[in-house]
């Protein structure tokens, strides 16, 4: 009896993280981001704002990409591109399952502007897109956007 129970639980755990054959049922747009000037997403320590937008939505069989901009807002409300001096990193994390996805490639395209390529979600559900500033591989600052895939 114990053997059957162990086998059943093991199969359920393995199947839960398998790459499913499905299509996304919800929007992939950031939950709280309605316009760039709102600065609803920012790095926790530096306060630098982030705005991001899909270039190509990922699906069950193909990777996606998005562009993100880092900026500050002056007292008069004007926005200024904020170049990040350390390494920018993007991590995809599924908090409900305690695992991530394949690594995302980040490249700088202009002052305060970056592209995230190879974005792929391995299963449907709630995901965090973690924007990280790293120095020598250590996270210095982080901002997290939540999406449903």
N, C-alpha and C. Protein backbone atom coordinates (compact mmCIF):
# COMPACT_ATOMS: atom_id res chain seq x y z
N UNK A 1 0.82 -1.19 0.00
CA UNK A 1 0.00 0.00 0.00
C UNK A 1 0.87 1.26 0.00
N UNK A 2 1.90 1.30 0.86
CA UNK A 2 2.78 2.45 0.90
C UNK A 2 3.46 2.68 -0.45
N UNK A 3 3.83 1.60 -1.11
CA UNK A 3 4.50 1.70 -2.41
C UNK A 3 3.61 2.34 -3.46
N UNK A 4 2.31 1.98 -3.50
CA UNK A 4 1.38 2.57 -4.46
C UNK A 4 1.16 4.05 -4.17
N UNK A 5 1.05 4.39 -2.89
CA UNK A 5 0.86 5.78 -2.50
C UNK A 5 2.09 6.61 -2.90
N UNK A 6 3.27 6.10 -2.62
CA UNK A 6 4.51 6.79 -2.98
C UNK A 6 4.61 6.98 -4.49
N UNK A 7 4.29 5.94 -5.25
CA UNK A 7 4.34 6.01 -6.71
C UNK A 7 3.35 7.05 -7.23
N UNK A 8 2.13 7.06 -6.70
CA UNK A 8 1.12 8.02 -7.13
C UNK A 8 1.55 9.45 -6.85
N UNK A 9 2.05 9.70 -5.65
CA UNK A 9 2.50 11.05 -5.30
C UNK A 9 3.68 11.46 -6.17
N UNK A 10 4.61 10.55 -6.39
CA UNK A 10 5.77 10.85 -7.24
C UNK A 10 5.35 11.22 -8.66
N UNK A 11 4.41 10.49 -9.22
CA UNK A 11 3.93 10.78 -10.57
C UNK A 11 3.22 12.14 -10.64
N UNK A 12 2.45 12.47 -9.61
CA UNK A 12 1.77 13.76 -9.58
C UNK A 12 2.77 14.91 -9.51
N UNK A 13 3.81 14.76 -8.69
CA UNK A 13 4.83 15.79 -8.58
C UNK A 13 5.56 15.98 -9.89
N UNK A 14 5.94 14.89 -10.53
CA UNK A 14 6.65 14.97 -11.81
C UNK A 14 5.77 15.58 -12.90
N UNK A 15 4.51 15.20 -12.92
CA UNK A 15 3.60 15.71 -13.95
C UNK A 15 3.30 17.19 -13.76
N UNK A 16 3.33 17.68 -12.54
CA UNK A 16 3.01 19.08 -12.27
C UNK A 16 3.99 20.04 -12.92
N UNK A 17 5.22 19.65 -13.11
CA UNK A 17 6.22 20.55 -13.69
C UNK A 17 6.55 20.21 -15.13
N UNK A 18 5.83 19.28 -15.72
CA UNK A 18 6.08 18.93 -17.12
C UNK A 18 5.61 20.05 -18.03
N UNK A 19 6.20 20.15 -19.21
CA UNK A 19 5.77 21.18 -20.15
C UNK A 19 4.42 20.76 -20.74
N UNK A 20 3.35 21.48 -20.40
CA UNK A 20 2.02 21.09 -20.85
C UNK A 20 1.74 21.54 -22.28
N UNK A 21 0.74 20.95 -22.87
CA UNK A 21 0.26 21.34 -24.18
C UNK A 21 -0.97 22.20 -23.96
N UNK A 22 -0.78 23.50 -23.82
CA UNK A 22 -1.87 24.41 -23.47
C UNK A 22 -1.65 25.75 -24.14
N UNK A 23 -2.63 26.57 -24.05
CA UNK A 23 -2.52 27.94 -24.54
C UNK A 23 -2.85 28.88 -23.38
N UNK A 24 -2.22 30.04 -23.32
CA UNK A 24 -2.52 30.96 -22.23
C UNK A 24 -3.97 31.40 -22.28
N UNK A 25 -4.59 31.52 -21.10
CA UNK A 25 -5.99 31.90 -21.04
C UNK A 25 -6.19 33.31 -20.51
N UNK A 26 -5.14 33.94 -20.01
CA UNK A 26 -5.26 35.28 -19.45
C UNK A 26 -4.27 36.22 -20.11
N UNK A 27 -4.46 37.48 -19.85
CA UNK A 27 -3.59 38.51 -20.39
C UNK A 27 -2.17 38.37 -19.86
N UNK A 28 -1.19 38.67 -20.68
CA UNK A 28 0.20 38.64 -20.26
C UNK A 28 0.72 40.03 -19.90
N UNK A 29 -0.15 41.03 -19.94
CA UNK A 29 0.29 42.38 -19.62
C UNK A 29 0.48 42.52 -18.12
N UNK A 30 1.38 43.39 -17.70
CA UNK A 30 1.59 43.59 -16.27
C UNK A 30 0.29 43.99 -15.59
N UNK A 31 0.05 43.48 -14.41
CA UNK A 31 -1.19 43.74 -13.69
C UNK A 31 -1.34 45.21 -13.34
N UNK A 32 -0.30 45.82 -12.80
CA UNK A 32 -0.44 47.16 -12.26
C UNK A 32 0.06 48.27 -13.19
N UNK A 33 0.62 47.94 -14.33
CA UNK A 33 1.22 48.96 -15.19
C UNK A 33 0.18 49.46 -16.20
N UNK A 34 -0.30 50.69 -16.02
CA UNK A 34 -1.27 51.24 -16.95
C UNK A 34 -0.65 52.28 -17.86
N UNK A 35 0.31 53.04 -17.36
CA UNK A 35 1.01 54.01 -18.20
C UNK A 35 2.41 54.24 -17.64
N UNK A 36 3.29 54.65 -18.52
CA UNK A 36 4.70 54.80 -18.17
C UNK A 36 4.91 55.80 -17.04
N UNK A 37 4.21 56.91 -17.04
CA UNK A 37 4.44 57.97 -16.06
C UNK A 37 4.03 57.59 -14.65
N UNK A 38 3.27 56.54 -14.46
CA UNK A 38 2.75 56.18 -13.14
C UNK A 38 3.85 55.69 -12.19
N UNK A 39 4.89 55.13 -12.70
CA UNK A 39 5.98 54.57 -11.89
C UNK A 39 5.44 53.61 -10.84
N UNK A 40 4.55 52.73 -11.25
CA UNK A 40 3.99 51.76 -10.32
C UNK A 40 4.93 50.60 -10.06
N UNK A 41 6.00 50.49 -10.85
CA UNK A 41 7.00 49.45 -10.64
C UNK A 41 8.34 50.14 -10.47
N UNK A 42 9.00 49.89 -9.34
CA UNK A 42 10.30 50.53 -9.11
C UNK A 42 11.19 49.64 -8.28
N UNK A 43 12.49 49.87 -8.44
CA UNK A 43 13.47 49.15 -7.64
C UNK A 43 13.30 49.56 -6.18
N UNK A 44 13.34 48.58 -5.28
CA UNK A 44 13.03 48.83 -3.88
C UNK A 44 14.04 49.75 -3.17
N UNK A 45 15.31 49.67 -3.51
CA UNK A 45 16.32 50.47 -2.81
C UNK A 45 16.56 51.82 -3.49
N UNK A 46 16.78 51.81 -4.79
CA UNK A 46 17.13 53.04 -5.49
C UNK A 46 15.92 53.89 -5.86
N UNK A 47 14.74 53.27 -5.97
CA UNK A 47 13.55 54.01 -6.37
C UNK A 47 13.47 54.29 -7.86
N UNK A 48 14.41 53.74 -8.64
CA UNK A 48 14.39 53.92 -10.09
C UNK A 48 13.15 53.20 -10.64
N UNK A 49 12.41 53.88 -11.50
CA UNK A 49 11.18 53.34 -12.07
C UNK A 49 11.49 52.41 -13.25
N UNK A 50 10.57 51.50 -13.50
CA UNK A 50 10.68 50.57 -14.64
C UNK A 50 9.34 50.55 -15.36
N UNK A 51 9.41 50.62 -16.67
CA UNK A 51 8.25 50.41 -17.52
C UNK A 51 8.62 49.32 -18.51
N UNK A 52 7.74 48.33 -18.67
CA UNK A 52 8.04 47.28 -19.64
C UNK A 52 6.82 46.97 -20.48
N UNK A 53 7.11 46.46 -21.70
CA UNK A 53 6.05 46.17 -22.66
C UNK A 53 6.48 45.01 -23.55
N UNK A 54 5.56 44.12 -23.81
CA UNK A 54 5.86 42.98 -24.68
C UNK A 54 6.17 43.43 -26.09
N UNK A 55 7.22 42.85 -26.67
CA UNK A 55 7.48 42.96 -28.11
C UNK A 55 6.82 41.77 -28.79
N UNK A 56 6.99 40.63 -28.18
CA UNK A 56 6.42 39.39 -28.71
C UNK A 56 5.97 38.54 -27.52
N UNK A 57 4.68 38.24 -27.48
CA UNK A 57 4.14 37.41 -26.40
C UNK A 57 4.63 35.97 -26.57
N UNK A 58 5.12 35.37 -25.49
CA UNK A 58 5.48 33.95 -25.59
C UNK A 58 4.21 33.10 -25.64
N UNK A 59 4.34 31.89 -26.14
CA UNK A 59 3.21 30.96 -26.10
C UNK A 59 3.73 29.59 -25.68
N UNK A 60 2.91 28.57 -25.78
CA UNK A 60 3.29 27.25 -25.28
C UNK A 60 4.46 26.62 -26.03
N UNK A 61 4.78 27.13 -27.22
CA UNK A 61 5.86 26.52 -27.99
C UNK A 61 6.93 27.49 -28.47
N UNK A 62 6.79 28.77 -28.14
CA UNK A 62 7.75 29.74 -28.66
C UNK A 62 8.09 30.78 -27.59
N UNK A 63 9.33 31.22 -27.61
CA UNK A 63 9.78 32.24 -26.65
C UNK A 63 9.26 33.61 -27.05
N UNK A 64 9.25 34.52 -26.08
CA UNK A 64 8.83 35.88 -26.33
C UNK A 64 9.94 36.86 -25.99
N UNK A 65 9.63 38.14 -26.10
CA UNK A 65 10.60 39.19 -25.74
C UNK A 65 9.84 40.43 -25.29
N UNK A 66 10.50 41.23 -24.46
CA UNK A 66 9.93 42.51 -24.08
C UNK A 66 11.04 43.53 -23.93
N UNK A 67 10.64 44.80 -24.01
CA UNK A 67 11.56 45.93 -23.83
C UNK A 67 11.22 46.56 -22.50
N UNK A 68 12.24 46.96 -21.75
CA UNK A 68 11.97 47.70 -20.53
C UNK A 68 12.89 48.90 -20.42
N UNK A 69 12.34 49.95 -19.78
CA UNK A 69 13.05 51.21 -19.62
C UNK A 69 13.18 51.52 -18.14
N UNK A 70 14.31 52.06 -17.77
CA UNK A 70 14.52 52.50 -16.40
C UNK A 70 14.62 54.02 -16.42
N UNK A 71 13.93 54.68 -15.47
CA UNK A 71 13.88 56.13 -15.48
C UNK A 71 13.59 56.67 -14.08
N UNK A 72 13.87 57.94 -13.91
CA UNK A 72 13.53 58.66 -12.70
C UNK A 72 12.52 59.74 -13.06
N UNK A 73 11.80 60.21 -12.04
CA UNK A 73 10.83 61.28 -12.25
C UNK A 73 11.25 62.47 -11.39
N UNK A 74 11.43 63.62 -12.05
CA UNK A 74 11.78 64.85 -11.34
C UNK A 74 10.57 65.39 -10.58
N UNK A 75 10.81 66.37 -9.72
CA UNK A 75 9.74 66.99 -8.95
C UNK A 75 8.66 67.59 -9.84
N UNK A 76 9.06 68.06 -11.03
CA UNK A 76 8.08 68.64 -11.95
C UNK A 76 7.34 67.59 -12.78
N UNK A 77 7.64 66.31 -12.54
CA UNK A 77 6.96 65.23 -13.25
C UNK A 77 7.65 64.78 -14.52
N UNK A 78 8.74 65.42 -14.89
CA UNK A 78 9.44 65.02 -16.11
C UNK A 78 10.20 63.71 -15.87
N UNK A 79 10.25 62.89 -16.91
CA UNK A 79 10.90 61.58 -16.85
C UNK A 79 12.28 61.67 -17.46
N UNK A 80 13.25 61.01 -16.80
CA UNK A 80 14.62 61.00 -17.29
C UNK A 80 15.13 59.56 -17.36
N UNK A 81 15.65 59.19 -18.52
CA UNK A 81 16.22 57.84 -18.65
C UNK A 81 17.30 57.67 -17.59
N UNK A 82 17.26 56.55 -16.90
CA UNK A 82 18.23 56.27 -15.84
C UNK A 82 19.04 55.05 -16.25
N UNK A 83 20.28 55.28 -16.59
CA UNK A 83 21.17 54.18 -16.96
C UNK A 83 21.58 53.42 -15.70
N UNK A 84 21.49 52.12 -15.74
CA UNK A 84 21.91 51.28 -14.62
C UNK A 84 23.39 50.96 -14.81
N UNK A 85 24.20 51.27 -13.81
CA UNK A 85 25.65 51.10 -13.93
C UNK A 85 26.10 49.65 -13.78
N UNK A 86 25.33 48.86 -13.04
CA UNK A 86 25.69 47.46 -12.85
C UNK A 86 24.93 46.60 -13.85
N UNK A 87 25.02 45.28 -13.70
CA UNK A 87 24.39 44.36 -14.64
C UNK A 87 22.89 44.26 -14.41
N UNK A 88 22.13 44.33 -15.49
CA UNK A 88 20.68 44.12 -15.43
C UNK A 88 20.41 42.63 -15.66
N UNK A 89 19.50 42.08 -14.87
CA UNK A 89 19.13 40.69 -14.97
C UNK A 89 17.61 40.58 -14.88
N UNK A 90 17.05 39.61 -15.60
CA UNK A 90 15.62 39.33 -15.49
C UNK A 90 15.49 37.85 -15.17
N UNK A 91 14.71 37.56 -14.13
CA UNK A 91 14.46 36.18 -13.72
C UNK A 91 12.96 35.93 -13.74
N UNK A 92 12.56 34.81 -14.30
CA UNK A 92 11.16 34.40 -14.31
C UNK A 92 10.97 33.42 -13.16
N UNK A 93 10.00 33.69 -12.29
CA UNK A 93 9.82 32.86 -11.10
C UNK A 93 8.34 32.58 -10.88
N UNK A 94 8.01 31.33 -10.60
CA UNK A 94 6.64 30.92 -10.31
C UNK A 94 6.55 30.64 -8.81
N UNK A 95 6.07 31.63 -8.03
CA UNK A 95 6.10 31.49 -6.57
C UNK A 95 5.25 30.33 -6.04
N UNK A 96 4.13 30.05 -6.68
CA UNK A 96 3.27 28.97 -6.19
C UNK A 96 3.90 27.59 -6.35
N UNK A 97 4.83 27.47 -7.29
CA UNK A 97 5.48 26.18 -7.53
C UNK A 97 6.94 26.18 -7.07
N UNK A 98 7.44 27.31 -6.63
CA UNK A 98 8.82 27.46 -6.14
C UNK A 98 9.87 27.04 -7.17
N UNK A 99 9.66 27.47 -8.41
CA UNK A 99 10.68 27.24 -9.44
C UNK A 99 10.62 28.34 -10.48
N UNK A 100 11.67 28.41 -11.26
CA UNK A 100 11.75 29.41 -12.31
C UNK A 100 11.62 28.78 -13.68
N UNK A 101 12.08 29.51 -14.67
CA UNK A 101 12.05 29.04 -16.05
C UNK A 101 13.46 29.17 -16.61
N UNK A 102 13.58 28.99 -17.90
CA UNK A 102 14.90 29.07 -18.53
C UNK A 102 15.44 30.49 -18.43
N UNK A 103 16.76 30.65 -18.48
CA UNK A 103 17.36 31.99 -18.34
C UNK A 103 16.91 32.95 -19.44
N UNK A 104 16.74 34.20 -19.04
CA UNK A 104 16.36 35.28 -19.96
C UNK A 104 17.63 36.02 -20.35
N UNK A 105 17.75 36.36 -21.63
CA UNK A 105 18.90 37.13 -22.11
C UNK A 105 18.54 38.61 -22.08
N UNK A 106 19.37 39.42 -21.41
CA UNK A 106 19.13 40.86 -21.31
C UNK A 106 20.24 41.60 -22.05
N UNK A 107 19.85 42.54 -22.91
CA UNK A 107 20.84 43.36 -23.61
C UNK A 107 20.41 44.83 -23.54
N UNK A 108 21.39 45.70 -23.44
CA UNK A 108 21.12 47.14 -23.41
C UNK A 108 21.03 47.63 -24.85
N UNK A 109 19.97 48.42 -25.15
CA UNK A 109 19.79 48.90 -26.51
C UNK A 109 19.99 50.41 -26.63
N UNK A 110 19.83 51.14 -25.53
CA UNK A 110 20.03 52.59 -25.51
C UNK A 110 20.14 53.01 -24.04
N UNK A 111 20.33 54.29 -23.80
CA UNK A 111 20.41 54.77 -22.42
C UNK A 111 19.11 54.44 -21.70
N UNK A 112 19.20 53.66 -20.63
CA UNK A 112 18.02 53.30 -19.85
C UNK A 112 17.05 52.37 -20.53
N UNK A 113 17.42 51.77 -21.66
CA UNK A 113 16.52 50.89 -22.40
C UNK A 113 17.19 49.53 -22.61
N UNK A 114 16.41 48.48 -22.33
CA UNK A 114 16.93 47.11 -22.38
C UNK A 114 15.93 46.21 -23.08
N UNK A 115 16.44 45.12 -23.62
CA UNK A 115 15.59 44.10 -24.25
C UNK A 115 15.80 42.79 -23.51
N UNK A 116 14.70 42.12 -23.21
CA UNK A 116 14.73 40.79 -22.60
C UNK A 116 14.26 39.79 -23.66
N UNK A 117 15.16 38.86 -24.02
CA UNK A 117 14.85 37.83 -25.01
C UNK A 117 14.85 36.46 -24.36
N UNK A 118 14.32 35.48 -25.07
CA UNK A 118 14.25 34.10 -24.60
C UNK A 118 13.33 33.97 -23.40
N UNK A 119 12.24 34.75 -23.39
CA UNK A 119 11.26 34.70 -22.31
C UNK A 119 10.31 33.54 -22.58
N UNK A 120 10.27 32.58 -21.63
CA UNK A 120 9.45 31.39 -21.81
C UNK A 120 8.89 30.93 -20.47
N UNK A 121 7.60 30.72 -20.42
CA UNK A 121 6.95 30.22 -19.21
C UNK A 121 6.64 28.74 -19.42
N UNK A 122 7.11 27.91 -18.52
CA UNK A 122 7.01 26.46 -18.73
C UNK A 122 5.65 25.88 -18.39
N UNK A 123 4.79 26.68 -17.74
CA UNK A 123 3.45 26.20 -17.40
C UNK A 123 2.56 27.39 -17.09
N UNK A 124 1.23 27.19 -17.15
CA UNK A 124 0.32 28.30 -16.86
C UNK A 124 0.29 28.60 -15.36
N UNK A 125 -0.09 29.83 -15.04
CA UNK A 125 -0.24 30.21 -13.63
C UNK A 125 0.31 31.60 -13.37
N UNK A 126 0.47 31.90 -12.09
CA UNK A 126 0.99 33.20 -11.67
C UNK A 126 2.51 33.17 -11.73
N UNK A 127 3.09 34.16 -12.40
CA UNK A 127 4.54 34.28 -12.55
C UNK A 127 5.00 35.65 -12.08
N UNK A 128 6.22 35.71 -11.59
CA UNK A 128 6.86 36.96 -11.26
C UNK A 128 7.98 37.21 -12.27
N UNK A 129 8.01 38.42 -12.79
CA UNK A 129 9.14 38.85 -13.60
C UNK A 129 9.99 39.70 -12.67
N UNK A 130 11.16 39.19 -12.31
CA UNK A 130 12.04 39.86 -11.36
C UNK A 130 13.11 40.63 -12.12
N UNK A 131 13.04 41.94 -12.04
CA UNK A 131 14.05 42.81 -12.62
C UNK A 131 15.11 43.00 -11.54
N UNK A 132 16.34 42.64 -11.84
CA UNK A 132 17.39 42.67 -10.82
C UNK A 132 18.60 43.45 -11.30
N UNK A 133 19.15 44.23 -10.37
CA UNK A 133 20.44 44.88 -10.61
C UNK A 133 21.46 44.05 -9.85
N UNK A 134 22.45 43.54 -10.58
CA UNK A 134 23.46 42.68 -9.96
C UNK A 134 24.84 43.30 -10.09
N UNK A 135 25.65 43.09 -9.07
CA UNK A 135 27.05 43.50 -9.10
C UNK A 135 27.86 42.28 -8.69
N UNK A 136 28.76 41.86 -9.57
CA UNK A 136 29.57 40.66 -9.35
C UNK A 136 28.68 39.45 -9.02
N UNK A 137 27.54 39.36 -9.69
CA UNK A 137 26.64 38.23 -9.51
C UNK A 137 25.74 38.28 -8.30
N UNK A 138 25.83 39.34 -7.50
CA UNK A 138 25.03 39.47 -6.28
C UNK A 138 23.93 40.51 -6.52
N UNK A 139 22.70 40.17 -6.17
CA UNK A 139 21.57 41.09 -6.35
C UNK A 139 21.74 42.29 -5.43
N UNK A 140 21.73 43.48 -6.04
CA UNK A 140 21.84 44.73 -5.29
C UNK A 140 20.48 45.40 -5.09
N UNK A 141 19.58 45.20 -6.05
CA UNK A 141 18.26 45.83 -6.00
C UNK A 141 17.33 44.99 -6.87
N UNK A 142 16.02 45.07 -6.58
CA UNK A 142 15.07 44.23 -7.32
C UNK A 142 13.70 44.89 -7.37
N UNK A 143 13.01 44.69 -8.48
CA UNK A 143 11.63 45.10 -8.67
C UNK A 143 10.89 43.91 -9.27
N UNK A 144 9.67 43.67 -8.83
CA UNK A 144 8.95 42.47 -9.26
C UNK A 144 7.59 42.85 -9.85
N UNK A 145 7.33 42.35 -11.04
CA UNK A 145 6.04 42.51 -11.70
C UNK A 145 5.36 41.15 -11.74
N UNK A 146 4.07 41.10 -11.44
CA UNK A 146 3.33 39.84 -11.42
C UNK A 146 2.45 39.77 -12.65
N UNK A 147 2.47 38.63 -13.32
CA UNK A 147 1.60 38.40 -14.47
C UNK A 147 0.94 37.04 -14.32
N UNK A 148 -0.10 36.81 -15.09
CA UNK A 148 -0.75 35.50 -15.14
C UNK A 148 -0.63 34.99 -16.56
N UNK A 149 -0.10 33.79 -16.68
CA UNK A 149 0.13 33.20 -18.00
C UNK A 149 -0.75 31.97 -18.11
